[in-house]
Amino acid sequence: MKNILIVAALALLTACTQTPDWDYDKSANFSNFKTFAWVENASLTKDTNNYQINGLMEKRVRTAVNAELSQTLGMSLVDAVNADVLVNYHASVDKELEIDTFNVGYRHNWGYWGTGFERDTTAREYEVGTLIIDIVDRESNQLVWRGAKEGRLKKNQSPEQREASINKTVSEILSNFPPQKQQ
């Protein structure tokens, strides 16, 4: 019975959509941040052999972040020496396992003790991608805000579908930048 409950809990967790996660420095004055730039040589810290972080995906992420910070938040993209904050991102891909157990029928052994359900269990491996966006106060060189979102990766998407997915993910991550103070 305990194993059935564990499998049911895992199935519920894998069915949930992932919401963004945020953390920030409560002492930072976010109202002072009007300009941004990208961390210099940020792409050198990424595994460029990973298909999720290739040059095309790098460009999509940067374009989406630039648009969100500029158009939605009114910040200006400037040279790093003149920026209030520096932006960086990290991405990773991990393998996950999805396990489904379901009843395929009811069994009654006539003349013998015992009745029960016949069960079938299947397992599938899939990839989960995580995108993390960091905002660093350029003057103090301290991380002041971090947002992250993970989600199941889809294979065989068109370039337009990949771009739309990145735009949506970046928008969701940055939806709490600057952070909304809790009442």
C-alpha atoms as a PDB file:
ATOM      1  CA  MET A   1       0.000   0.000   0.000  1.00  0.00           C
ATOM      2  CA  LYS A   2       2.853   2.364   0.845  1.00  0.00           C
ATOM      3  CA  ASN A   3       4.379   1.842  -2.627  1.00  0.00           C
ATOM      4  CA  ILE A   4       1.055   2.681  -4.278  1.00  0.00           C
ATOM      5  CA  LEU A   5       0.871   5.966  -2.345  1.00  0.00           C
ATOM      6  CA  ILE A   6       4.444   6.875  -3.321  1.00  0.00           C
ATOM      7  CA  VAL A   7       3.754   6.152  -6.996  1.00  0.00           C
ATOM      8  CA  ALA A   8       0.507   8.186  -6.831  1.00  0.00           C
ATOM      9  CA  ALA A   9       2.336  11.133  -5.249  1.00  0.00           C
ATOM     10  CA  LEU A  10       5.042  11.006  -7.927  1.00  0.00           C
ATOM     11  CA  ALA A  11       2.414  10.903 -10.654  1.00  0.00           C
ATOM     12  CA  LEU A  12       0.707  13.996  -9.218  1.00  0.00           C
ATOM     13  CA  LEU A  13       3.993  15.893  -8.981  1.00  0.00           C
ATOM     14  CA  THR A  14       4.975  15.149 -12.565  1.00  0.00           C
ATOM     15  CA  ALA A  15       1.531  16.231 -13.784  1.00  0.00           C
ATOM     16  CA  CYS A  16       1.823  19.678 -12.179  1.00  0.00           C
ATOM     17  CA  THR A  17       2.909  22.664 -14.220  1.00  0.00           C
ATOM     18  CA  GLN A  18       5.964  24.366 -12.844  1.00  0.00           C
ATOM     19  CA  THR A  19       5.655  27.925 -11.614  1.00  0.00           C
ATOM     20  CA  PRO A  20       8.640  30.270 -11.483  1.00  0.00           C
ATOM     21  CA  ASP A  21      10.705  30.506  -8.322  1.00  0.00           C
ATOM     22  CA  TRP A  22      12.246  33.788  -7.151  1.00  0.00           C
ATOM     23  CA  ASP A  23      14.683  34.977  -4.547  1.00  0.00           C
ATOM     24  CA  TYR A  24      16.062  38.441  -3.914  1.00  0.00           C
ATOM     25  CA  ASP A  25      18.084  40.636  -1.584  1.00  0.00           C
ATOM     26  CA  LYS A  26      15.553  42.492   0.577  1.00  0.00           C
ATOM     27  CA  SER A  27      18.050  45.290   1.228  1.00  0.00           C
ATOM     28  CA  ALA A  28      18.507  46.101  -2.488  1.00  0.00           C
ATOM     29  CA  ASN A  29      16.870  49.285  -3.768  1.00  0.00           C
ATOM     30  CA  PHE A  30      15.336  48.038  -6.998  1.00  0.00           C
ATOM     31  CA  SER A  31      13.913  51.466  -7.853  1.00  0.00           C
ATOM     32  CA  ASN A  32      17.495  52.611  -8.609  1.00  0.00           C
ATOM     33  CA  PHE A  33      17.907  50.048 -11.389  1.00  0.00           C
ATOM     34  CA  LYS A  34      17.163  51.735 -14.711  1.00  0.00           C
ATOM     35  CA  THR A  35      19.864  50.309 -17.006  1.00  0.00           C
ATOM     36  CA  PHE A  36      21.198  46.822 -17.676  1.00  0.00           C
ATOM     37  CA  ALA A  37      23.925  45.001 -19.580  1.00  0.00           C
ATOM     38  CA  TRP A  38      24.902  41.386 -20.022  1.00  0.00           C
ATOM     39  CA  VAL A  39      27.700  39.823 -17.994  1.00  0.00           C
ATOM     40  CA  GLU A  40      30.826  39.924 -20.130  1.00  0.00           C
ATOM     41  CA  ASN A  41      31.772  36.561 -21.688  1.00  0.00           C
ATOM     42  CA  ALA A  42      28.749  34.909 -20.115  1.00  0.00           C
ATOM     43  CA  SER A  43      28.551  32.383 -22.945  1.00  0.00           C
ATOM     44  CA  LEU A  44      31.985  31.014 -22.014  1.00  0.00           C
ATOM     45  CA  THR A  45      30.502  29.598 -18.809  1.00  0.00           C
ATOM     46  CA  LYS A  46      27.916  27.518 -20.642  1.00  0.00           C
ATOM     47  CA  ASP A  47      28.223  24.097 -22.221  1.00  0.00           C
ATOM     48  CA  THR A  48      27.816  25.109 -25.857  1.00  0.00           C
ATOM     49  CA  ASN A  49      27.805  21.456 -26.964  1.00  0.00           C
ATOM     50  CA  ASN A  50      24.435  20.948 -25.255  1.00  0.00           C
ATOM     51  CA  TYR A  51      21.723  21.364 -27.901  1.00  0.00           C
ATOM     52  CA  GLN A  52      19.591  23.412 -25.497  1.00  0.00           C
ATOM     53  CA  ILE A  53      22.345  26.020 -25.093  1.00  0.00           C
ATOM     54  CA  ASN A  54      23.530  26.329 -28.642  1.00  0.00           C
ATOM     55  CA  GLY A  55      24.017  29.671 -30.369  1.00  0.00           C
ATOM     56  CA  LEU A  56      20.413  29.774 -31.558  1.00  0.00           C
ATOM     57  CA  MET A  57      19.000  29.219 -28.069  1.00  0.00           C
ATOM     58  CA  GLU A  58      21.493  31.719 -26.630  1.00  0.00           C
ATOM     59  CA  LYS A  59      20.208  34.357 -29.031  1.00  0.00           C
ATOM     60  CA  ARG A  60      16.561  33.549 -28.234  1.00  0.00           C
ATOM     61  CA  VAL A  61      17.129  33.845 -24.478  1.00  0.00           C
ATOM     62  CA  ARG A  62      19.031  37.135 -24.787  1.00  0.00           C
ATOM     63  CA  THR A  63      16.432  38.608 -27.158  1.00  0.00           C
ATOM     64  CA  ALA A  64      13.577  37.604 -24.840  1.00  0.00           C
ATOM     65  CA  VAL A  65      15.314  39.030 -21.745  1.00  0.00           C
ATOM     66  CA  ASN A  66      16.207  42.256 -23.578  1.00  0.00           C
ATOM     67  CA  ALA A  67      12.602  42.690 -24.738  1.00  0.00           C
ATOM     68  CA  GLU A  68      11.143  41.956 -21.317  1.00  0.00           C
ATOM     69  CA  LEU A  69      13.476  44.326 -19.463  1.00  0.00           C
ATOM     70  CA  SER A  70      13.231  47.081 -22.093  1.00  0.00           C
ATOM     71  CA  GLN A  71       9.650  46.973 -23.307  1.00  0.00           C
ATOM     72  CA  THR A  72       7.855  45.703 -20.212  1.00  0.00           C
ATOM     73  CA  LEU A  73       9.969  47.224 -17.434  1.00  0.00           C
ATOM     74  CA  GLY A  74      11.280  50.328 -19.216  1.00  0.00           C
ATOM     75  CA  MET A  75      14.946  49.591 -18.552  1.00  0.00           C
ATOM     76  CA  SER A  76      17.632  50.548 -21.081  1.00  0.00           C
ATOM     77  CA  LEU A  77      20.309  48.245 -22.472  1.00  0.00           C
ATOM     78  CA  VAL A  78      23.688  50.018 -22.151  1.00  0.00           C
ATOM     79  CA  ASP A  79      27.404  49.183 -22.043  1.00  0.00           C
ATOM     80  CA  ALA A  80      28.442  47.156 -18.992  1.00  0.00           C
ATOM     81  CA  VAL A  81      30.495  50.035 -17.511  1.00  0.00           C
ATOM     82  CA  ASN A  82      27.382  52.257 -17.449  1.00  0.00           C
ATOM     83  CA  ALA A  83      24.820  49.661 -16.332  1.00  0.00           C
ATOM     84  CA  ASP A  84      23.059  49.631 -12.978  1.00  0.00           C
ATOM     85  CA  VAL A  85      22.695  45.849 -13.139  1.00  0.00           C
ATOM     86  CA  LEU A  86      24.290  42.994 -15.028  1.00  0.00           C
ATOM     87  CA  VAL A  87      22.209  40.119 -16.356  1.00  0.00           C
ATOM     88  CA  ASN A  88      23.293  36.527 -16.708  1.00  0.00           C
ATOM     89  CA  TYR A  89      21.470  33.282 -17.295  1.00  0.00           C
ATOM     90  CA  HIS A  90      22.152  29.632 -16.729  1.00  0.00           C
ATOM     91  CA  ALA A  91      20.407  26.698 -18.302  1.00  0.00           C
ATOM     92  CA  SER A  92      20.537  22.995 -17.610  1.00  0.00           C
ATOM     93  CA  VAL A  93      18.880  19.826 -18.806  1.00  0.00           C
ATOM     94  CA  ASP A  94      18.253  16.872 -16.504  1.00  0.00           C
ATOM     95  CA  LYS A  95      16.696  13.474 -17.068  1.00  0.00           C
ATOM     96  CA  GLU A  96      13.564  12.610 -15.088  1.00  0.00           C
ATOM     97  CA  LEU A  97      11.577   9.411 -14.764  1.00  0.00           C
ATOM     98  CA  GLU A  98       7.803   9.236 -15.069  1.00  0.00           C
ATOM     99  CA  ILE A  99       6.114   6.161 -13.612  1.00  0.00           C
ATOM    100  CA  ASP A 100       2.478   5.285 -14.247  1.00  0.00           C
ATOM    101  CA  THR A 101       0.662   2.458 -12.506  1.00  0.00           C
ATOM    102  CA  PHE A 102      -2.937   1.681 -13.340  1.00  0.00           C
ATOM    103  CA  ASN A 103      -5.444  -1.079 -12.785  1.00  0.00           C
ATOM    104  CA  VAL A 104      -6.097  -3.207 -15.825  1.00  0.00           C
ATOM    105  CA  GLY A 105      -8.737  -5.482 -14.306  1.00  0.00           C
ATOM    106  CA  TYR A 106     -10.232  -7.128 -11.263  1.00  0.00           C
ATOM    107  CA  ARG A 107      -9.333 -10.704 -10.419  1.00  0.00           C
ATOM    108  CA  HIS A 108     -11.280 -13.170  -8.275  1.00  0.00           C
ATOM    109  CA  ASN A 109      -9.919 -16.646  -7.785  1.00  0.00           C
ATOM    110  CA  TRP A 110     -12.981 -18.913  -7.395  1.00  0.00           C
ATOM    111  CA  GLY A 111     -12.283 -21.679  -4.940  1.00  0.00           C
ATOM    112  CA  TYR A 112      -9.084 -20.041  -3.736  1.00  0.00           C
ATOM    113  CA  TRP A 113      -8.456 -17.346  -1.207  1.00  0.00           C
ATOM    114  CA  GLY A 114      -7.738 -13.977  -2.670  1.00  0.00           C
ATOM    115  CA  THR A 115      -9.117 -11.282  -4.854  1.00  0.00           C
ATOM    116  CA  GLY A 116      -7.453  -8.162  -6.154  1.00  0.00           C
ATOM    117  CA  PHE A 117      -6.618  -5.848  -8.975  1.00  0.00           C
ATOM    118  CA  GLU A 118      -4.218  -6.584 -11.760  1.00  0.00           C
ATOM    119  CA  ARG A 119      -1.870  -3.661 -12.278  1.00  0.00           C
ATOM    120  CA  ASP A 120       0.354  -2.501 -15.091  1.00  0.00           C
ATOM    121  CA  THR A 121       3.305  -0.156 -14.541  1.00  0.00           C
ATOM    122  CA  THR A 122       5.162   1.783 -17.209  1.00  0.00           C
ATOM    123  CA  ALA A 123       8.212   4.020 -16.892  1.00  0.00           C
ATOM    124  CA  ARG A 124       9.360   6.733 -19.300  1.00  0.00           C
ATOM    125  CA  GLU A 125      12.439   8.903 -19.222  1.00  0.00           C
ATOM    126  CA  TYR A 126      12.122  12.536 -20.287  1.00  0.00           C
ATOM    127  CA  GLU A 127      14.160  15.735 -20.123  1.00  0.00           C
ATOM    128  CA  VAL A 128      13.480  18.712 -17.862  1.00  0.00           C
ATOM    129  CA  GLY A 129      15.069  22.034 -18.660  1.00  0.00           C
ATOM    130  CA  THR A 130      15.757  24.746 -16.096  1.00  0.00           C
ATOM    131  CA  LEU A 131      16.350  28.393 -16.982  1.00  0.00           C
ATOM    132  CA  ILE A 132      17.781  30.683 -14.301  1.00  0.00           C
ATOM    133  CA  ILE A 133      18.100  34.454 -14.752  1.00  0.00           C
ATOM    134  CA  ASP A 134      20.400  36.378 -12.417  1.00  0.00           C
ATOM    135  CA  ILE A 135      20.421  40.132 -11.813  1.00  0.00           C
ATOM    136  CA  VAL A 136      23.667  41.465 -10.283  1.00  0.00           C
ATOM    137  CA  ASP A 137      24.196  44.944  -8.861  1.00  0.00           C
ATOM    138  CA  ARG A 138      27.119  46.130 -11.016  1.00  0.00           C
ATOM    139  CA  GLU A 139      28.506  48.517  -8.410  1.00  0.00           C
ATOM    140  CA  SER A 140      28.674  45.997  -5.555  1.00  0.00           C
ATOM    141  CA  ASN A 141      29.015  42.943  -7.836  1.00  0.00           C
ATOM    142  CA  GLN A 142      26.417  41.183  -5.652  1.00  0.00           C
ATOM    143  CA  LEU A 143      23.535  39.021  -6.792  1.00  0.00           C
ATOM    144  CA  VAL A 144      20.331  40.928  -5.946  1.00  0.00           C
ATOM    145  CA  TRP A 145      17.666  38.873  -7.730  1.00  0.00           C
ATOM    146  CA  ARG A 146      17.305  35.366  -9.146  1.00  0.00           C
ATOM    147  CA  GLY A 147      14.396  33.823 -11.005  1.00  0.00           C
ATOM    148  CA  ALA A 148      14.091  30.266 -12.270  1.00  0.00           C
ATOM    149  CA  LYS A 149      11.620  28.029 -14.026  1.00  0.00           C
ATOM    150  CA  GLU A 150      11.784  24.420 -15.030  1.00  0.00           C
ATOM    151  CA  GLY A 151       9.649  22.482 -17.433  1.00  0.00           C
ATOM    152  CA  ARG A 152       9.445  19.391 -19.542  1.00  0.00           C
ATOM    153  CA  LEU A 153      11.302  19.809 -22.836  1.00  0.00           C
ATOM    154  CA  LYS A 154       9.527  19.098 -26.089  1.00  0.00           C
ATOM    155  CA  LYS A 155      11.384  17.555 -28.995  1.00  0.00           C
ATOM    156  CA  ASN A 156      10.978  18.346 -32.676  1.00  0.00           C
ATOM    157  CA  GLN A 157       9.738  21.919 -32.300  1.00  0.00           C
ATOM    158  CA  SER A 158       9.922  24.434 -35.094  1.00  0.00           C
ATOM    159  CA  PRO A 159      12.112  27.525 -34.589  1.00  0.00           C
ATOM    160  CA  GLU A 160       8.917  29.564 -34.102  1.00  0.00           C
ATOM    161  CA  GLN A 161       7.701  27.192 -31.382  1.00  0.00           C
ATOM    162  CA  ARG A 162      11.081  27.323 -29.627  1.00  0.00           C
ATOM    163  CA  GLU A 163      11.074  31.125 -29.733  1.00  0.00           C
ATOM    164  CA  ALA A 164       7.516  31.320 -28.372  1.00  0.00           C
ATOM    165  CA  SER A 165       8.419  28.896 -25.588  1.00  0.00           C
ATOM    166  CA  ILE A 166      11.509  30.904 -24.598  1.00  0.00           C
ATOM    167  CA  ASN A 167       9.560  34.193 -24.715  1.00  0.00           C
ATOM    168  CA  LYS A 168       6.846  32.773 -22.449  1.00  0.00           C
ATOM    169  CA  THR A 169       9.352  31.263 -20.004  1.00  0.00           C
ATOM    170  CA  VAL A 170      11.406  34.477 -19.742  1.00  0.00           C
ATOM    171  CA  SER A 171       8.246  36.551 -19.279  1.00  0.00           C
ATOM    172  CA  GLU A 172       7.083  34.249 -16.478  1.00  0.00           C
ATOM    173  CA  ILE A 173      10.481  34.318 -14.756  1.00  0.00           C
ATOM    174  CA  LEU A 174      10.757  38.115 -14.943  1.00  0.00           C
ATOM    175  CA  SER A 175       7.129  38.663 -13.882  1.00  0.00           C
ATOM    176  CA  ASN A 176       8.414  39.236 -10.326  1.00  0.00           C
ATOM    177  CA  PHE A 177      11.253  41.601 -11.229  1.00  0.00           C
ATOM    178  CA  PRO A 178      11.503  43.977  -9.561  1.00  0.00           C
ATOM    179  CA  PRO A 179      10.125  41.914  -6.680  1.00  0.00           C
ATOM    180  CA  GLN A 180       6.694  42.724  -5.350  1.00  0.00           C
ATOM    181  CA  LYS A 181       6.906  43.386  -1.620  1.00  0.00           C
ATOM    182  CA  GLN A 182       4.830  40.983   0.457  1.00  0.00           C
ATOM    183  CA  GLN A 183       2.158  42.611   2.607  1.00  0.00           C
END
